[in-house]
PDB file of N, CA and C in Angstrom:
ATOM      1  N   UNK A   1       0.796  -1.179   0.042  1.00  0.00           N
ATOM      2  CA  UNK A   1       0.173   0.075  -0.027  1.00  0.00           C
ATOM      3  C   UNK A   1       0.864   1.158   0.086  1.00  0.00           C
ATOM      4  N   UNK A   2       0.382   2.270  -0.598  1.00  0.00           N
ATOM      5  CA  UNK A   2       1.285   3.562  -0.802  1.00  0.00           C
ATOM      6  C   UNK A   2       0.574   4.967  -0.267  1.00  0.00           C
ATOM      7  N   UNK A   3       0.986   5.181   0.598  1.00  0.00           N
ATOM      8  CA  UNK A   3       1.021   6.443   1.810  1.00  0.00           C
ATOM      9  C   UNK A   3       1.574   7.592   1.245  1.00  0.00           C
ATOM     10  N   UNK A   4       0.759   8.616   1.438  1.00  0.00           N
ATOM     11  CA  UNK A   4       1.424   9.837   1.154  1.00  0.00           C
ATOM     12  C   UNK A   4       1.275  10.836   2.371  1.00  0.00           C
ATOM     13  N   UNK A   5       2.177  10.867   3.173  1.00  0.00           N
ATOM     14  CA  UNK A   5       2.242  11.871   4.455  1.00  0.00           C
ATOM     15  C   UNK A   5       2.424  13.265   4.093  1.00  0.00           C
ATOM     16  N   UNK A   6       1.580  14.421   4.305  1.00  0.00           N
ATOM     17  CA  UNK A   6       1.775  15.560   3.990  1.00  0.00           C
ATOM     18  C   UNK A   6       1.601  16.066   5.573  1.00  0.00           C
ATOM     19  N   UNK A   7       3.262  16.717   5.934  1.00  0.00           N
ATOM     20  CA  UNK A   7       3.256  17.686   7.137  1.00  0.00           C
ATOM     21  C   UNK A   7       4.623  18.516   7.244  1.00  0.00           C
ATOM     22  N   UNK A   8       4.438  19.553   7.556  1.00  0.00           N
ATOM     23  CA  UNK A   8       5.719  20.537   7.337  1.00  0.00           C
ATOM     24  C   UNK A   8       6.349  20.058   8.943  1.00  0.00           C
ATOM     25  N   UNK A   9       6.002  19.378   9.783  1.00  0.00           N
ATOM     26  CA  UNK A   9       6.722  19.251  10.866  1.00  0.00           C
ATOM     27  C   UNK A   9       7.804  18.062  10.646  1.00  0.00           C
ATOM     28  N   UNK A  10       8.821  18.324  10.543  1.00  0.00           N
ATOM     29  CA  UNK A  10       9.893  17.318  10.102  1.00  0.00           C
ATOM     30  C   UNK A  10      10.066  15.717  11.117  1.00  0.00           C
ATOM     31  N   UNK A  11       9.924  16.256  12.343  1.00  0.00           N
ATOM     32  CA  UNK A  11       9.798  15.195  13.231  1.00  0.00           C
ATOM     33  C   UNK A  11       8.839  14.503  13.342  1.00  0.00           C
ATOM     34  N   UNK A  12       7.515  14.774  13.323  1.00  0.00           N
ATOM     35  CA  UNK A  12       6.051  14.254  13.441  1.00  0.00           C
ATOM     36  C   UNK A  12       6.516  13.459  11.843  1.00  0.00           C
ATOM     37  N   UNK A  13       6.653  13.744  10.748  1.00  0.00           N
ATOM     38  CA  UNK A  13       7.059  13.324   9.371  1.00  0.00           C
ATOM     39  C   UNK A  13       7.660  12.073   9.536  1.00  0.00           C
ATOM     40  N   UNK A  14       8.967  12.004  10.521  1.00  0.00           N
ATOM     41  CA  UNK A  14       9.671  10.969  11.006  1.00  0.00           C
ATOM     42  C   UNK A  14       8.783   9.720  11.453  1.00  0.00           C
ATOM     43  N   UNK A  15       8.294  10.344  12.498  1.00  0.00           N
ATOM     44  CA  UNK A  15       7.485   9.599  13.504  1.00  0.00           C
ATOM     45  C   UNK A  15       6.730   8.593  12.409  1.00  0.00           C
ATOM     46  N   UNK A  16       5.665   9.108  11.936  1.00  0.00           N
ATOM     47  CA  UNK A  16       4.970   8.742  10.945  1.00  0.00           C
ATOM     48  C   UNK A  16       5.305   7.556  10.311  1.00  0.00           C
ATOM     49  N   UNK A  17       6.340   8.032   9.358  1.00  0.00           N
ATOM     50  CA  UNK A  17       6.843   7.174   8.549  1.00  0.00           C
ATOM     51  C   UNK A  17       7.836   5.847   9.103  1.00  0.00           C
ATOM     52  N   UNK A  18       8.234   6.196  10.220  1.00  0.00           N
ATOM     53  CA  UNK A  18       8.875   4.782  11.152  1.00  0.00           C
ATOM     54  C   UNK A  18       7.497   4.126  11.324  1.00  0.00           C
ATOM     55  N   UNK A  19       6.061   4.467  11.978  1.00  0.00           N
ATOM     56  CA  UNK A  19       4.926   3.753  12.198  1.00  0.00           C
ATOM     57  C   UNK A  19       4.709   3.449  11.115  1.00  0.00           C
ATOM     58  N   UNK A  20       4.727   3.718   9.908  1.00  0.00           N
ATOM     59  CA  UNK A  20       4.111   3.169   8.572  1.00  0.00           C
ATOM     60  C   UNK A  20       5.358   2.611   8.025  1.00  0.00           C
ATOM     61  N   UNK A  21       6.179   1.709   8.390  1.00  0.00           N
ATOM     62  CA  UNK A  21       7.601   1.135   8.022  1.00  0.00           C
ATOM     63  C   UNK A  21       7.260  -0.085   6.899  1.00  0.00           C
ATOM     64  N   UNK A  22       5.838  -0.594   7.294  1.00  0.00           N
ATOM     65  CA  UNK A  22       5.855  -1.569   6.213  1.00  0.00           C
ATOM     66  C   UNK A  22       4.998  -1.513   5.047  1.00  0.00           C
ATOM     67  N   UNK A  23       5.041   0.075   4.939  1.00  0.00           N
ATOM     68  CA  UNK A  23       4.333   0.502   3.639  1.00  0.00           C
ATOM     69  C   UNK A  23       5.129   1.399   2.674  1.00  0.00           C
ATOM     70  N   UNK A  24       4.768   1.595   1.560  1.00  0.00           N
ATOM     71  CA  UNK A  24       5.618   2.572   0.733  1.00  0.00           C
ATOM     72  C   UNK A  24       5.090   3.826   1.272  1.00  0.00           C
ATOM     73  N   UNK A  25       6.029   4.769   1.507  1.00  0.00           N
ATOM     74  CA  UNK A  25       5.427   6.212   2.224  1.00  0.00           C
ATOM     75  C   UNK A  25       6.001   7.247   1.110  1.00  0.00           C
ATOM     76  N   UNK A  26       5.623   8.087   0.946  1.00  0.00           N
ATOM     77  CA  UNK A  26       5.843   9.171   0.055  1.00  0.00           C
ATOM     78  C   UNK A  26       5.858  10.302   1.024  1.00  0.00           C
ATOM     79  N   UNK A  27       6.478  11.558   0.751  1.00  0.00           N
ATOM     80  CA  UNK A  27       6.200  12.419   2.084  1.00  0.00           C
ATOM     81  C   UNK A  27       6.258  13.904   1.122  1.00  0.00           C
ATOM     82  N   UNK A  28       5.715  14.865   1.826  1.00  0.00           N
ATOM     83  CA  UNK A  28       5.260  16.252   1.333  1.00  0.00           C
ATOM     84  C   UNK A  28       5.322  17.115   2.388  1.00  0.00           C
ATOM     85  N   UNK A  29       6.078  18.397   2.248  1.00  0.00           N
ATOM     86  CA  UNK A  29       6.107  19.271   3.393  1.00  0.00           C
ATOM     87  C   UNK A  29       5.140  20.358   3.452  1.00  0.00           C
ATOM     88  N   UNK A  30       4.861  20.332   1.967  1.00  0.00           N
ATOM     89  CA  UNK A  30       3.637  21.520   1.829  1.00  0.00           C
ATOM     90  C   UNK A  30       2.884  21.396   0.800  1.00  0.00           C
ATOM     91  N   UNK A  31       1.423  22.064   1.038  1.00  0.00           N
ATOM     92  CA  UNK A  31       0.177  21.717   0.346  1.00  0.00           C
ATOM     93  C   UNK A  31       0.563  21.522  -1.304  1.00  0.00           C
ATOM     94  N   UNK A  32       1.306  22.409  -1.866  1.00  0.00           N
ATOM     95  CA  UNK A  32       1.579  22.351  -3.183  1.00  0.00           C
ATOM     96  C   UNK A  32       2.129  21.023  -3.624  1.00  0.00           C
ATOM     97  N   UNK A  33       3.140  20.614  -2.959  1.00  0.00           N
ATOM     98  CA  UNK A  33       3.762  19.152  -3.360  1.00  0.00           C
ATOM     99  C   UNK A  33       2.884  18.448  -3.245  1.00  0.00           C
ATOM    100  N   UNK A  34       2.026  18.441  -2.276  1.00  0.00           N
ATOM    101  CA  UNK A  34       1.223  17.637  -1.999  1.00  0.00           C
ATOM    102  C   UNK A  34       0.365  16.908  -3.298  1.00  0.00           C
ATOM    103  N   UNK A  35      -0.381  18.250  -3.931  1.00  0.00           N
ATOM    104  CA  UNK A  35      -1.043  17.970  -5.024  1.00  0.00           C
ATOM    105  C   UNK A  35      -0.122  17.391  -6.199  1.00  0.00           C
ATOM    106  N   UNK A  36       0.894  17.688  -6.352  1.00  0.00           N
ATOM    107  CA  UNK A  36       1.529  17.461  -7.415  1.00  0.00           C
ATOM    108  C   UNK A  36       2.234  16.061  -7.160  1.00  0.00           C
ATOM    109  N   UNK A  37       2.556  15.632  -6.063  1.00  0.00           N
ATOM    110  CA  UNK A  37       2.771  14.356  -5.412  1.00  0.00           C
ATOM    111  C   UNK A  37       1.385  13.350  -5.909  1.00  0.00           C
ATOM    112  N   UNK A  38       0.831  13.753  -5.523  1.00  0.00           N
ATOM    113  CA  UNK A  38      -0.722  12.626  -5.482  1.00  0.00           C
ATOM    114  C   UNK A  38      -0.979  12.565  -6.740  1.00  0.00           C
ATOM    115  N   UNK A  39      -0.794  13.693  -7.921  1.00  0.00           N
ATOM    116  CA  UNK A  39      -1.273  13.422  -9.296  1.00  0.00           C
ATOM    117  C   UNK A  39      -0.422  12.280 -10.094  1.00  0.00           C
ATOM    118  N   UNK A  40       0.864  12.496  -9.326  1.00  0.00           N
ATOM    119  CA  UNK A  40       1.984  11.524 -10.348  1.00  0.00           C
ATOM    120  C   UNK A  40       2.078  10.158  -9.768  1.00  0.00           C
ATOM    121  N   UNK A  41       1.971  10.047  -8.484  1.00  0.00           N
ATOM    122  CA  UNK A  41       2.077   8.575  -7.550  1.00  0.00           C
ATOM    123  C   UNK A  41       0.661   7.927  -7.132  1.00  0.00           C
ATOM    124  N   UNK A  42      -0.404   8.815  -7.131  1.00  0.00           N
ATOM    125  CA  UNK A  42      -2.020   8.355  -6.687  1.00  0.00           C
ATOM    126  C   UNK A  42      -1.763   7.444  -5.500  1.00  0.00           C
ATOM    127  N   UNK A  43      -1.615   8.070  -4.391  1.00  0.00           N
ATOM    128  CA  UNK A  43      -1.321   7.060  -3.045  1.00  0.00           C
ATOM    129  C   UNK A  43      -2.891   6.315  -2.744  1.00  0.00           C
ATOM    130  N   UNK A  44      -2.432   5.230  -2.156  1.00  0.00           N
ATOM    131  CA  UNK A  44      -3.793   4.472  -1.707  1.00  0.00           C
ATOM    132  C   UNK A  44      -4.729   5.283  -0.438  1.00  0.00           C
ATOM    133  N   UNK A  45      -3.808   6.152   0.179  1.00  0.00           N
ATOM    134  CA  UNK A  45      -4.387   6.891   1.092  1.00  0.00           C
ATOM    135  C   UNK A  45      -3.302   7.866   1.653  1.00  0.00           C
ATOM    136  N   UNK A  46      -3.972   9.396   2.138  1.00  0.00           N
ATOM    137  CA  UNK A  46      -2.963  10.843   2.297  1.00  0.00           C
ATOM    138  C   UNK A  46      -3.278  11.017   3.339  1.00  0.00           C
ATOM    139  N   UNK A  47      -2.727  11.328   3.915  1.00  0.00           N
ATOM    140  CA  UNK A  47      -2.643  11.798   5.442  1.00  0.00           C
ATOM    141  C   UNK A  47      -2.035  13.345   5.572  1.00  0.00           C
ATOM    142  N   UNK A  48      -2.915  14.246   5.623  1.00  0.00           N
ATOM    143  CA  UNK A  48      -2.843  15.732   5.482  1.00  0.00           C
ATOM    144  C   UNK A  48      -3.140  16.648   6.524  1.00  0.00           C
ATOM    145  N   UNK A  49      -2.073  17.159   6.864  1.00  0.00           N
ATOM    146  CA  UNK A  49      -1.874  18.159   8.008  1.00  0.00           C
ATOM    147  C   UNK A  49      -2.986  19.315   7.661  1.00  0.00           C
ATOM    148  N   UNK A  50      -3.217  20.247   8.207  1.00  0.00           N
ATOM    149  CA  UNK A  50      -3.965  21.430   7.942  1.00  0.00           C
ATOM    150  C   UNK A  50      -3.454  22.641   7.634  1.00  0.00           C
ATOM    151  N   UNK A  51      -2.333  22.940   8.622  1.00  0.00           N
ATOM    152  CA  UNK A  51      -1.875  23.987   8.601  1.00  0.00           C
ATOM    153  C   UNK A  51      -0.497  23.749   7.791  1.00  0.00           C
ATOM    154  N   UNK A  52      -0.398  24.476   6.573  1.00  0.00           N
ATOM    155  CA  UNK A  52       0.799  23.840   5.947  1.00  0.00           C
ATOM    156  C   UNK A  52       1.366  25.254   4.885  1.00  0.00           C
ATOM    157  N   UNK A  53       2.724  25.182   4.953  1.00  0.00           N
ATOM    158  CA  UNK A  53       3.093  26.329   4.221  1.00  0.00           C
ATOM    159  C   UNK A  53       2.559  26.394   2.624  1.00  0.00           C
ATOM    160  N   UNK A  54       2.748  27.208   1.832  1.00  0.00           N
ATOM    161  CA  UNK A  54       2.584  27.329   0.651  1.00  0.00           C
ATOM    162  C   UNK A  54       0.998  27.079  -0.055  1.00  0.00           C
ATOM    163  N   UNK A  55       0.283  26.062   0.771  1.00  0.00           N
ATOM    164  CA  UNK A  55      -1.252  26.041   0.344  1.00  0.00           C
ATOM    165  C   UNK A  55      -1.316  24.912   1.573  1.00  0.00           C
ATOM    166  N   UNK A  56      -2.770  25.770   2.199  1.00  0.00           N
ATOM    167  CA  UNK A  56      -2.810  24.647   3.147  1.00  0.00           C
ATOM    168  C   UNK A  56      -3.941  23.480   3.082  1.00  0.00           C
ATOM    169  N   UNK A  57      -4.030  22.469   3.768  1.00  0.00           N
ATOM    170  CA  UNK A  57      -4.434  21.101   3.519  1.00  0.00           C
ATOM    171  C   UNK A  57      -5.648  21.094   3.350  1.00  0.00           C
ATOM    172  N   UNK A  58      -6.463  22.132   3.602  1.00  0.00           N
ATOM    173  CA  UNK A  58      -7.913  22.507   3.025  1.00  0.00           C
ATOM    174  C   UNK A  58      -7.865  22.380   1.481  1.00  0.00           C
ATOM    175  N   UNK A  59      -7.273  23.624   1.372  1.00  0.00           N
ATOM    176  CA  UNK A  59      -7.010  23.895  -0.268  1.00  0.00           C
ATOM    177  C   UNK A  59      -6.521  22.604  -1.080  1.00  0.00           C
ATOM    178  N   UNK A  60      -5.357  22.007  -0.494  1.00  0.00           N
ATOM    179  CA  UNK A  60      -4.782  21.087  -1.107  1.00  0.00           C
ATOM    180  C   UNK A  60      -5.885  19.746  -1.541  1.00  0.00           C
ATOM    181  N   UNK A  61      -6.709  19.360  -0.326  1.00  0.00           N
ATOM    182  CA  UNK A  61      -7.542  18.675  -0.341  1.00  0.00           C
ATOM    183  C   UNK A  61      -8.468  18.761  -1.604  1.00  0.00           C
ATOM    184  N   UNK A  62      -9.199  19.864  -1.783  1.00  0.00           N
ATOM    185  CA  UNK A  62      -9.726  20.130  -2.643  1.00  0.00           C
ATOM    186  C   UNK A  62      -9.186  19.796  -4.137  1.00  0.00           C
ATOM    187  N   UNK A  63      -7.990  20.352  -4.177  1.00  0.00           N
ATOM    188  CA  UNK A  63      -7.539  20.267  -5.430  1.00  0.00           C
ATOM    189  C   UNK A  63      -7.020  18.526  -5.488  1.00  0.00           C
ATOM    190  N   UNK A  64      -6.914  17.813  -4.735  1.00  0.00           N
ATOM    191  CA  UNK A  64      -6.874  16.401  -5.168  1.00  0.00           C
ATOM    192  C   UNK A  64      -7.931  15.642  -5.463  1.00  0.00           C
ATOM    193  N   UNK A  65      -8.830  16.064  -4.683  1.00  0.00           N
ATOM    194  CA  UNK A  65     -10.454  15.587  -4.811  1.00  0.00           C
ATOM    195  C   UNK A  65     -11.034  15.778  -6.269  1.00  0.00           C
ATOM    196  N   UNK A  66     -10.573  17.119  -6.980  1.00  0.00           N
ATOM    197  CA  UNK A  66     -10.666  17.415  -8.240  1.00  0.00           C
ATOM    198  C   UNK A  66     -10.104  16.300  -9.362  1.00  0.00           C
ATOM    199  N   UNK A  67      -8.855  16.207  -8.814  1.00  0.00           N
ATOM    200  CA  UNK A  67      -7.935  15.086  -9.623  1.00  0.00           C
ATOM    201  C   UNK A  67      -8.523  13.869  -9.668  1.00  0.00           C
ATOM    202  N   UNK A  68      -9.142  13.200  -8.466  1.00  0.00           N
ATOM    203  CA  UNK A  68      -9.511  12.218  -8.014  1.00  0.00           C
ATOM    204  C   UNK A  68     -10.434  12.175  -7.008  1.00  0.00           C
ATOM    205  N   UNK A  69     -11.764  11.944  -7.515  1.00  0.00           N
ATOM    206  CA  UNK A  69     -12.905  12.315  -6.447  1.00  0.00           C
ATOM    207  C   UNK A  69     -12.980  10.956  -5.529  1.00  0.00           C
ATOM    208  N   UNK A  70     -12.164   9.726  -5.711  1.00  0.00           N
ATOM    209  CA  UNK A  70     -12.030   8.769  -5.007  1.00  0.00           C
ATOM    210  C   UNK A  70     -11.219   8.890  -4.068  1.00  0.00           C
ATOM    211  N   UNK A  71     -10.240  10.002  -4.257  1.00  0.00           N
ATOM    212  CA  UNK A  71      -9.009  10.076  -3.089  1.00  0.00           C
ATOM    213  C   UNK A  71      -9.381   9.988  -1.750  1.00  0.00           C
ATOM    214  N   UNK A  72      -8.622   8.930  -0.873  1.00  0.00           N
ATOM    215  CA  UNK A  72      -8.840   8.676   0.603  1.00  0.00           C
ATOM    216  C   UNK A  72      -8.413   9.811   1.225  1.00  0.00           C
ATOM    217  N   UNK A  73      -8.470  10.883   1.792  1.00  0.00           N
ATOM    218  CA  UNK A  73      -7.558  11.968   2.607  1.00  0.00           C
ATOM    219  C   UNK A  73      -8.144  11.990   3.796  1.00  0.00           C
ATOM    220  N   UNK A  74      -6.920  11.746   4.804  1.00  0.00           N
ATOM    221  CA  UNK A  74      -7.194  11.995   6.278  1.00  0.00           C
ATOM    222  C   UNK A  74      -6.980  13.423   6.612  1.00  0.00           C
ATOM    223  N   UNK A  75      -7.574  14.079   7.228  1.00  0.00           N
ATOM    224  CA  UNK A  75      -7.126  15.334   7.889  1.00  0.00           C
ATOM    225  C   UNK A  75      -6.178  15.143   9.387  1.00  0.00           C
ATOM    226  N   UNK A  76      -5.035  15.677   9.214  1.00  0.00           N
ATOM    227  CA  UNK A  76      -4.421  15.440  10.771  1.00  0.00           C
ATOM    228  C   UNK A  76      -4.258  16.702  11.416  1.00  0.00           C
ATOM    229  N   UNK A  77      -4.915  17.035  12.856  1.00  0.00           N
ATOM    230  CA  UNK A  77      -4.876  18.118  13.220  1.00  0.00           C
ATOM    231  C   UNK A  77      -4.910  18.178  14.551  1.00  0.00           C
ATOM    232  N   UNK A  78      -4.532  19.181  15.482  1.00  0.00           N
ATOM    233  CA  UNK A  78      -4.383  19.523  16.758  1.00  0.00           C
ATOM    234  C   UNK A  78      -5.707  20.237  17.021  1.00  0.00           C
ATOM    235  N   UNK A  79      -6.440  21.066  16.247  1.00  0.00           N
ATOM    236  CA  UNK A  79      -7.742  21.658  16.540  1.00  0.00           C
ATOM    237  C   UNK A  79      -8.647  21.124  15.848  1.00  0.00           C
ATOM    238  N   UNK A  80      -9.853  21.152  16.780  1.00  0.00           N
ATOM    239  CA  UNK A  80     -10.897  20.288  16.243  1.00  0.00           C
ATOM    240  C   UNK A  80     -11.729  21.338  15.133  1.00  0.00           C
ATOM    241  N   UNK A  81     -11.698  22.778  15.481  1.00  0.00           N
ATOM    242  CA  UNK A  81     -12.137  23.689  14.330  1.00  0.00           C
ATOM    243  C   UNK A  81     -11.666  23.449  12.913  1.00  0.00           C
ATOM    244  N   UNK A  82     -10.371  23.435  13.141  1.00  0.00           N
ATOM    245  CA  UNK A  82      -9.835  23.209  11.878  1.00  0.00           C
ATOM    246  C   UNK A  82     -10.338  21.906  11.121  1.00  0.00           C
ATOM    247  N   UNK A  83     -10.465  20.616  11.972  1.00  0.00           N
ATOM    248  CA  UNK A  83     -10.694  19.297  11.603  1.00  0.00           C
ATOM    249  C   UNK A  83     -12.197  19.423  10.946  1.00  0.00           C
ATOM    250  N   UNK A  84     -12.863  20.248  11.407  1.00  0.00           N
ATOM    251  CA  UNK A  84     -14.150  20.444  10.965  1.00  0.00           C
ATOM    252  C   UNK A  84     -14.141  20.914   9.274  1.00  0.00           C
ATOM    253  N   UNK A  85     -13.337  21.922   9.148  1.00  0.00           N
ATOM    254  CA  UNK A  85     -12.950  22.635   8.150  1.00  0.00           C
ATOM    255  C   UNK A  85     -12.340  21.646   6.728  1.00  0.00           C
ATOM    256  N   UNK A  86     -11.581  20.717   7.014  1.00  0.00           N
ATOM    257  CA  UNK A  86     -11.046  19.720   6.301  1.00  0.00           C
ATOM    258  C   UNK A  86     -12.246  18.992   5.806  1.00  0.00           C
ATOM    259  N   UNK A  87     -12.893  18.331   6.519  1.00  0.00           N
ATOM    260  CA  UNK A  87     -13.922  17.620   6.514  1.00  0.00           C
ATOM    261  C   UNK A  87     -15.158  18.053   5.619  1.00  0.00           C
ATOM    262  N   UNK A  88     -15.415  19.324   5.735  1.00  0.00           N
ATOM    263  CA  UNK A  88     -16.179  20.080   4.687  1.00  0.00           C
ATOM    264  C   UNK A  88     -15.502  19.961   3.291  1.00  0.00           C
ATOM    265  N   UNK A  89     -14.187  19.780   3.396  1.00  0.00           N
ATOM    266  CA  UNK A  89     -13.593  20.193   2.191  1.00  0.00           C
ATOM    267  C   UNK A  89     -13.478  18.702   1.417  1.00  0.00           C
ATOM    268  N   UNK A  90     -13.564  17.558   2.127  1.00  0.00           N
ATOM    269  CA  UNK A  90     -13.731  16.440   1.464  1.00  0.00           C
ATOM    270  C   UNK A  90     -12.851  15.248   2.203  1.00  0.00           C
ATOM    271  N   UNK A  91     -12.322  15.392   3.110  1.00  0.00           N
ATOM    272  CA  UNK A  91     -11.351  14.539   4.013  1.00  0.00           C
ATOM    273  C   UNK A  91     -12.549  13.564   4.645  1.00  0.00           C
ATOM    274  N   UNK A  92     -12.416  12.558   4.167  1.00  0.00           N
ATOM    275  CA  UNK A  92     -12.874  11.336   4.943  1.00  0.00           C
ATOM    276  C   UNK A  92     -12.852  10.729   6.762  1.00  0.00           C
ATOM    277  N   UNK A  93     -12.159  11.301   7.136  1.00  0.00           N
ATOM    278  CA  UNK A  93     -11.974  11.212   8.386  1.00  0.00           C
ATOM    279  C   UNK A  93     -10.740  11.977   8.912  1.00  0.00           C
ATOM    280  N   UNK A  94     -10.618  12.077  10.215  1.00  0.00           N
ATOM    281  CA  UNK A  94      -9.758  13.054  10.968  1.00  0.00           C
ATOM    282  C   UNK A  94      -8.429  12.230  11.878  1.00  0.00           C
ATOM    283  N   UNK A  95      -7.560  12.363  11.908  1.00  0.00           N
ATOM    284  CA  UNK A  95      -6.570  11.843  13.033  1.00  0.00           C
ATOM    285  C   UNK A  95      -6.101  12.990  13.753  1.00  0.00           C
ATOM    286  N   UNK A  96      -6.575  12.926  14.861  1.00  0.00           N
ATOM    287  CA  UNK A  96      -6.111  13.732  15.883  1.00  0.00           C
ATOM    288  C   UNK A  96      -4.782  13.782  16.272  1.00  0.00           C
ATOM    289  N   UNK A  97      -3.980  14.865  16.664  1.00  0.00           N
ATOM    290  CA  UNK A  97      -2.669  14.766  17.503  1.00  0.00           C
ATOM    291  C   UNK A  97      -2.873  14.644  18.982  1.00  0.00           C
ATOM    292  N   UNK A  98      -2.221  14.306  19.840  1.00  0.00           N
ATOM    293  CA  UNK A  98      -1.010  13.622  19.276  1.00  0.00           C
ATOM    294  C   UNK A  98      -1.472  11.941  19.064  1.00  0.00           C
ATOM    295  N   UNK A  99      -0.690  11.580  17.665  1.00  0.00           N
ATOM    296  CA  UNK A  99      -1.062  10.459  17.215  1.00  0.00           C
ATOM    297  C   UNK A  99      -0.130   9.248  17.561  1.00  0.00           C
ATOM    298  N   UNK A 100      -0.857   7.857  17.584  1.00  0.00           N
ATOM    299  CA  UNK A 100      -0.496   6.970  18.433  1.00  0.00           C
ATOM    300  C   UNK A 100      -0.414   5.634  17.338  1.00  0.00           C
ATOM    301  N   UNK A 101       0.375   4.790  17.291  1.00  0.00           N
ATOM    302  CA  UNK A 101       0.458   4.013  15.937  1.00  0.00           C
ATOM    303  C   UNK A 101      -0.773   3.162  16.162  1.00  0.00           C
ATOM    304  N   UNK A 102      -1.456   2.627  16.904  1.00  0.00           N
ATOM    305  CA  UNK A 102      -2.769   2.199  17.220  1.00  0.00           C
ATOM    306  C   UNK A 102      -3.941   2.868  16.788  1.00  0.00           C
ATOM    307  N   UNK A 103      -3.713   4.367  17.109  1.00  0.00           N
ATOM    308  CA  UNK A 103      -5.447   5.138  16.212  1.00  0.00           C
ATOM    309  C   UNK A 103      -4.810   5.160  14.520  1.00  0.00           C
ATOM    310  N   UNK A 104      -3.544   5.250  14.463  1.00  0.00           N
ATOM    311  CA  UNK A 104      -3.178   5.471  12.869  1.00  0.00           C
ATOM    312  C   UNK A 104      -3.600   3.965  12.297  1.00  0.00           C
ATOM    313  N   UNK A 105      -3.389   2.811  12.824  1.00  0.00           N
ATOM    314  CA  UNK A 105      -3.774   1.655  12.053  1.00  0.00           C
ATOM    315  C   UNK A 105      -4.902   1.249  11.933  1.00  0.00           C
ATOM    316  N   UNK A 106      -5.669   2.118  13.052  1.00  0.00           N
ATOM    317  CA  UNK A 106      -7.027   1.463  13.387  1.00  0.00           C
ATOM    318  C   UNK A 106      -8.010   2.191  12.293  1.00  0.00           C
ATOM    319  N   UNK A 107      -7.404   3.675  11.955  1.00  0.00           N
ATOM    320  CA  UNK A 107      -7.962   4.373  10.711  1.00  0.00           C
ATOM    321  C   UNK A 107      -7.558   3.653   9.460  1.00  0.00           C
ATOM    322  N   UNK A 108      -6.484   3.388   9.104  1.00  0.00           N
ATOM    323  CA  UNK A 108      -6.106   2.595   7.814  1.00  0.00           C
ATOM    324  C   UNK A 108      -7.227   1.611   7.631  1.00  0.00           C
ATOM    325  N   UNK A 109      -7.173   0.696   8.431  1.00  0.00           N
ATOM    326  CA  UNK A 109      -7.993  -0.345   8.312  1.00  0.00           C
ATOM    327  C   UNK A 109      -9.136   0.010   8.127  1.00  0.00           C
ATOM    328  N   UNK A 110      -9.949   0.888   8.783  1.00  0.00           N
ATOM    329  CA  UNK A 110     -11.517   1.169   8.586  1.00  0.00           C
ATOM    330  C   UNK A 110     -11.577   1.878   7.393  1.00  0.00           C
ATOM    331  N   UNK A 111     -10.532   2.635   6.887  1.00  0.00           N
ATOM    332  CA  UNK A 111     -10.366   3.196   5.346  1.00  0.00           C
ATOM    333  C   UNK A 111      -9.972   2.187   4.279  1.00  0.00           C
ATOM    334  N   UNK A 112      -9.229   1.576   4.338  1.00  0.00           N
ATOM    335  CA  UNK A 112      -8.835   0.892   3.368  1.00  0.00           C
ATOM    336  C   UNK A 112      -8.837  -0.770   3.774  1.00  0.00           C
ATOM    337  N   UNK A 113      -9.270  -1.200   4.434  1.00  0.00           N
ATOM    338  CA  UNK A 113      -9.709  -2.908   4.723  1.00  0.00           C
ATOM    339  C   UNK A 113      -8.579  -3.321   5.602  1.00  0.00           C
ATOM    340  N   UNK A 114      -8.352  -4.484   5.916  1.00  0.00           N
ATOM    341  CA  UNK A 114      -7.461  -4.943   6.583  1.00  0.00           C
ATOM    342  C   UNK A 114      -5.732  -4.980   6.037  1.00  0.00           C
ATOM    343  N   UNK A 115      -4.921  -4.568   7.177  1.00  0.00           N
ATOM    344  CA  UNK A 115      -3.657  -4.265   7.100  1.00  0.00           C
ATOM    345  C   UNK A 115      -2.918  -5.117   8.022  1.00  0.00           C
ATOM    346  N   UNK A 116      -1.667  -5.369   7.941  1.00  0.00           N
ATOM    347  CA  UNK A 116      -0.643  -5.759   9.030  1.00  0.00           C
ATOM    348  C   UNK A 116      -0.083  -4.871   9.489  1.00  0.00           C
ATOM    349  N   UNK A 117       0.378  -4.846  10.742  1.00  0.00           N
ATOM    350  CA  UNK A 117       1.039  -3.695  11.552  1.00  0.00           C
ATOM    351  C   UNK A 117       2.217  -4.294  11.897  1.00  0.00           C
TER     352      UNK A 117
END
């Protein structure tokens, strides 16, 4: 399974990459790159931070869904109000910080089906 992590916090991106070690992980640190990478790579699931440089996660989510209306995008947030915004933009779920491996894999399994951890 191919996973795109869109997160500008280098440390959190690294933690997520380690947690998702059994998957093919692609990374972006801003919304513009996220859209470009999605179009090229077509990952199975996207974990999208909301507050990002160049283009925020809400706009990036809208653009990705124009490219692929079936894209599976999960918003990453520490702020519940921002979470509502990304859900309205088309994200199918929220992953709230702090992120644990169990929460991460529970969400992936719910969205993509059975996976091994």
